[in-house]
Protein backbone atom coordinates (compact mmCIF):
# COMPACT_ATOMS: atom_id res chain seq x y z
CA UNK A 1 0.00 0.00 0.00
CA UNK A 2 1.36 3.41 -0.95
CA UNK A 3 2.01 5.98 1.77
CA UNK A 4 -0.72 8.60 1.85
CA UNK A 5 0.22 12.25 2.57
CA UNK A 6 -1.30 12.16 6.06
CA UNK A 7 -0.13 8.65 7.04
CA UNK A 8 -3.76 8.14 8.02
CA UNK A 9 -3.47 4.38 8.60
CA UNK A 10 -1.45 5.09 11.74
CA UNK A 11 -4.46 6.70 13.40
CA UNK A 12 -6.16 3.34 13.85
CA UNK A 13 -3.26 2.25 16.07
CA UNK A 14 -3.79 5.01 18.63
CA UNK A 15 -2.38 8.45 19.28
CA UNK A 16 1.11 7.38 20.22
CA UNK A 17 1.67 6.01 16.69
CA UNK A 18 0.38 9.07 14.86
CA UNK A 19 2.92 11.17 13.01
CA UNK A 20 1.71 14.60 11.96
CA UNK A 21 2.67 15.31 8.36
CA UNK A 22 0.37 18.08 7.18
CA UNK A 23 1.13 21.75 7.83
CA UNK A 24 -0.20 23.09 11.13
CA UNK A 25 -3.68 24.67 10.81
CA UNK A 26 -2.37 28.07 11.94
CA UNK A 27 1.05 28.76 10.36
CA UNK A 28 3.38 31.07 12.16
CA UNK A 29 3.16 34.71 11.21
CA UNK A 30 6.16 36.30 9.56
CA UNK A 31 8.79 36.98 12.17
CA UNK A 32 7.10 34.81 14.79
CA UNK A 33 9.95 32.97 16.51
CA UNK A 34 7.65 30.72 18.51
CA UNK A 35 5.22 29.43 15.87
CA UNK A 36 5.17 25.83 14.59
CA UNK A 37 7.19 26.61 11.45
CA UNK A 38 9.96 27.89 13.70
CA UNK A 39 10.24 24.69 15.68
CA UNK A 40 13.70 23.13 15.48
CA UNK A 41 14.34 20.07 13.40
CA UNK A 42 15.72 17.06 15.20
CA UNK A 43 18.95 17.60 13.25
CA UNK A 44 19.25 21.02 14.91
CA UNK A 45 18.33 19.48 18.25
CA UNK A 46 21.08 16.85 18.08
CA UNK A 47 23.54 19.58 17.08
CA UNK A 48 22.54 21.65 20.12
CA UNK A 49 21.01 24.51 18.14
CA UNK A 50 18.77 26.88 20.09
CA UNK A 51 15.03 26.36 19.79
CA UNK A 52 13.88 29.64 21.29
CA UNK A 53 16.98 31.79 21.28
CA UNK A 54 17.74 30.89 24.90
CA UNK A 55 17.69 27.12 25.39
CA UNK A 56 18.04 24.27 22.95
CA UNK A 57 15.11 21.89 22.56
CA UNK A 58 16.81 18.87 24.14
CA UNK A 59 17.74 20.81 27.26
CA UNK A 60 14.15 22.03 27.40
CA UNK A 61 12.77 18.48 27.13
CA UNK A 62 15.11 17.13 29.82
CA UNK A 63 14.17 20.01 32.13
CA UNK A 64 10.47 19.43 31.41
CA UNK A 65 10.73 15.71 32.21
CA UNK A 66 12.59 16.55 35.42
CA UNK A 67 9.87 18.99 36.46
CA UNK A 68 7.02 16.63 35.61
CA UNK A 69 8.52 13.65 37.42
CA UNK A 70 9.96 15.61 40.33
CA UNK A 71 13.47 14.24 39.94
CA UNK A 72 16.48 16.34 40.90
CA UNK A 73 18.79 14.11 38.83
CA UNK A 74 19.37 15.35 35.27
CA UNK A 75 20.75 11.91 34.37
CA UNK A 76 17.40 10.31 35.23
CA UNK A 77 15.42 12.92 33.33
CA UNK A 78 17.72 12.53 30.33
CA UNK A 79 17.21 8.75 30.30
CA UNK A 80 13.42 9.08 30.44
CA UNK A 81 13.39 11.79 27.78
CA UNK A 82 15.47 9.62 25.44
CA UNK A 83 13.25 6.60 25.98
CA UNK A 84 10.15 8.65 25.23
CA UNK A 85 11.54 9.96 21.95
CA UNK A 86 12.82 6.50 21.01
CA UNK A 87 9.32 5.09 21.55
CA UNK A 88 7.78 7.76 19.32
CA UNK A 89 10.26 7.09 16.52
CA UNK A 90 9.90 3.31 16.72
CA UNK A 91 6.10 3.64 16.74
CA UNK A 92 5.96 5.75 13.59
CA UNK A 93 8.58 3.68 11.77
CA UNK A 94 7.37 0.21 12.71
CA UNK A 95 3.72 1.20 12.38
CA UNK A 96 4.28 2.37 8.80
CA UNK A 97 6.44 -0.63 7.95
CA UNK A 98 3.83 -3.18 9.03
CA UNK A 99 0.71 -1.37 7.79
CA UNK A 100 1.97 0.11 4.53
CA UNK A 101 4.97 -2.10 3.83
CA UNK A 102 6.74 1.21 3.28
CA UNK A 103 8.50 3.76 5.44
CA UNK A 104 8.52 7.54 5.19
CA UNK A 105 11.99 9.04 5.19
CA UNK A 106 12.48 10.07 8.82
CA UNK A 107 15.64 12.13 8.38
CA UNK A 108 16.31 14.39 11.39
CA UNK A 109 16.26 17.35 9.01
CA UNK A 110 12.69 16.52 7.95
CA UNK A 111 11.28 16.09 11.47
CA UNK A 112 10.40 19.16 13.51
CA UNK A 113 10.08 18.70 17.26
CA UNK A 114 8.10 20.57 19.89
CA UNK A 115 9.83 19.70 23.15
CA UNK A 116 6.82 20.90 25.19
CA UNK A 117 3.97 19.39 23.17
CA UNK A 118 2.12 16.19 24.13
CA UNK A 119 1.85 13.20 21.80
CA UNK A 120 1.10 13.24 18.87
CA UNK A 121 1.74 16.95 18.37
CA UNK A 122 5.37 16.69 19.39
CA UNK A 123 6.63 15.55 15.97
CA UNK A 124 5.90 16.96 12.52
CA UNK A 125 7.26 15.31 9.38
CA UNK A 126 7.52 18.07 6.80
CA UNK A 127 7.63 15.80 3.72
CA UNK A 128 6.54 12.20 3.06
CA UNK A 129 9.23 10.55 0.94
CA UNK A 130 8.69 6.76 0.67
CA UNK A 131 11.37 4.20 1.43
CA UNK A 132 11.31 0.38 1.59
CA UNK A 133 9.79 -1.06 4.76
CA UNK A 134 12.49 -3.66 5.48
CA UNK A 135 14.35 -4.06 8.78
CA UNK A 136 17.60 -2.55 7.52
CA UNK A 137 15.81 0.61 6.43
CA UNK A 138 13.91 0.86 9.73
CA UNK A 139 17.13 0.39 11.72
CA UNK A 140 18.93 3.04 9.67
CA UNK A 141 16.00 5.44 10.06
CA UNK A 142 15.71 5.12 13.84
CA UNK A 143 18.98 3.83 15.27
CA UNK A 144 21.53 5.38 12.93
CA UNK A 145 19.79 8.65 12.09
CA UNK A 146 18.34 9.44 15.52
CA UNK A 147 19.25 7.36 18.54
CA UNK A 148 22.98 7.35 17.90
CA UNK A 149 23.37 11.16 17.68
CA UNK A 150 20.82 11.67 20.46
CA UNK A 151 22.75 9.27 22.69
CA UNK A 152 26.02 11.04 21.98
CA UNK A 153 24.57 14.36 23.17
CA UNK A 154 23.07 12.84 26.33
CA UNK A 155 26.30 11.03 27.21
CA UNK A 156 28.29 14.23 26.80
CA UNK A 157 25.89 16.41 28.77
CA UNK A 158 24.60 14.08 31.47
CA UNK A 159 26.89 11.06 31.56
CA UNK A 160 24.12 8.61 30.72
CA UNK A 161 25.65 5.18 30.12
CA UNK A 162 25.73 3.79 26.61
CA UNK A 163 24.24 0.44 27.67
CA UNK A 164 21.41 2.19 29.49
CA UNK A 165 20.52 4.19 26.36
CA UNK A 166 20.67 1.07 24.20
CA UNK A 167 18.49 -0.71 26.74
CA UNK A 168 15.98 2.12 26.47
CA UNK A 169 15.97 1.69 22.69
CA UNK A 170 15.40 -2.06 22.99
CA UNK A 171 12.68 -1.60 25.60
CA UNK A 172 10.89 0.99 23.46
CA UNK A 173 11.07 -1.26 20.39
CA UNK A 174 9.73 -4.26 22.30
CA UNK A 175 6.85 -2.22 23.72
CA UNK A 176 5.99 -0.89 20.26
CA UNK A 177 6.01 -4.38 18.76
CA UNK A 178 3.88 -5.71 21.63
CA UNK A 179 1.26 -3.01 21.08
CA UNK A 180 1.20 -3.63 17.32
CA UNK A 181 0.80 -7.37 17.90
CA UNK A 182 -2.06 -6.72 20.35
CA UNK A 183 -3.81 -4.44 17.83
CA UNK A 184 -3.32 -6.92 14.98
CA UNK A 185 -4.80 -9.81 16.94
CA UNK A 186 -7.70 -7.69 18.18
CA UNK A 187 -8.57 -6.74 14.59
CA UNK A 188 -7.92 -10.13 13.03
CA UNK A 189 -4.94 -8.84 11.06
CA UNK A 190 -2.70 -11.89 11.14
CA UNK A 191 -0.73 -10.42 8.22
CA UNK A 192 0.20 -7.41 10.34
CA UNK A 193 1.11 -9.60 13.30
CA UNK A 194 3.37 -11.74 11.11
CA UNK A 195 5.11 -8.73 9.52
CA UNK A 196 5.58 -7.14 12.92
CA UNK A 197 7.11 -10.31 14.36
CA UNK A 198 9.47 -10.75 11.40
CA UNK A 199 10.60 -7.12 11.47
CA UNK A 200 11.09 -7.12 15.23
CA UNK A 201 13.08 -10.37 15.13
CA UNK A 202 15.33 -8.89 12.45
CA UNK A 203 15.75 -5.57 14.28
CA UNK A 204 16.86 -7.32 17.47
CA UNK A 205 19.73 -8.90 15.57
CA UNK A 206 21.20 -5.41 15.06
CA UNK A 207 24.51 -4.96 16.93
CA UNK A 208 23.09 -2.06 18.95
CA UNK A 209 20.05 -4.06 20.11
CA UNK A 210 20.93 -7.75 20.26
CA UNK A 211 22.40 -7.56 23.79
CA UNK A 212 19.79 -5.23 25.26
CA UNK A 213 17.52 -7.91 26.69
CA UNK A 214 15.97 -11.36 26.56
CA UNK A 215 12.86 -11.94 24.44
CA UNK A 216 10.16 -14.58 24.71
CA UNK A 217 7.45 -13.97 22.15
CA UNK A 218 6.36 -10.38 22.70
CA UNK A 219 7.73 -10.36 26.26
CA UNK A 220 11.03 -8.57 26.90
CA UNK A 221 13.32 -8.40 29.92
CA UNK A 222 16.02 -5.79 29.56
CA UNK A 223 19.56 -6.10 30.89
CA UNK A 224 19.82 -2.50 32.06
CA UNK A 225 17.66 -0.11 34.07
CA UNK A 226 16.20 3.16 32.78
CA UNK A 227 16.49 4.67 36.31
CA UNK A 228 12.76 5.30 36.67
CA UNK A 229 12.94 3.90 40.21
CA UNK A 230 14.91 7.01 41.17
CA UNK A 231 11.93 9.24 40.38
CA UNK A 232 10.04 10.21 43.56
CA UNK A 233 7.29 7.63 43.94
CA UNK A 234 8.64 5.63 41.01
CA UNK A 235 9.15 1.89 41.01
CA UNK A 236 10.39 -0.78 38.63
CA UNK A 237 9.17 -0.98 35.06
CA UNK A 238 7.62 -4.23 33.87
CA UNK A 239 10.69 -5.18 31.82
CA UNK A 240 13.33 -4.02 34.32
CA UNK A 241 16.40 -6.14 34.98
CA UNK A 242 16.06 -5.41 38.70
CA UNK A 243 13.88 -7.51 40.97
CA UNK A 244 13.61 -4.92 43.75
CA UNK A 245 14.16 -1.21 44.13
CA UNK A 246 17.75 -0.54 45.22
CA UNK A 247 18.45 1.35 48.43
CA UNK A 248 19.50 5.02 48.52
CA UNK A 249 22.69 5.90 46.67
CA UNK A 250 25.12 8.75 47.31
CA UNK A 251 24.69 9.72 43.64
CA UNK A 252 21.03 10.54 44.18
CA UNK A 253 21.81 14.07 45.24
CA UNK A 254 24.60 14.67 42.78
CA UNK A 255 22.78 13.90 39.49
């Protein structure tokens, strides 16, 4: 099935899978530095370019996650912010690959990002350029084009461990695949379930993902921790490698 300009098939999967592609209904006025057309691309974000003339978008997202979760540790907020963006990218990419059999080009320069907006208004793909929907193309679109440069910035700024970030990527992929499989079975789309399983199996053979966790069907148990337990009132995620919440650490106050 050809990609339609609005990627409308994604809407049936739920809001988290939706990728906005059409121009915003109210374009920014000339000279408006805060309107949607002035949002930074993800390429600018990974390069550290300013989104509002004062703070770059990634710093704004990390600070927003910290404020919303109540954590005083930038490293924790950075991990959660990265996992959230990874989940959005996997959802759009894998959703298109299994429903259309095609993938829109998700180059960081084509994706604009609103670091303060809720899903699905956070991402806007400015052009729909079709690509093959195979695993290699999906991996290049998400891992190589986005999660690698994003991880490099977060390691440099916040000291987030490489294996933790890769674990976040694996966890987000597994969760996306699980939700797609659930939707496919609910709607009697065995073809979608089979494509999703095949793509996910192939993606987890990628060098950046193969050691991130153990899989059993759609279940996934990661080998690293995203640090959510360090959020006030937080606990362990369903796929966490830990079996109990660790005790207090001297690093808790240092970030």
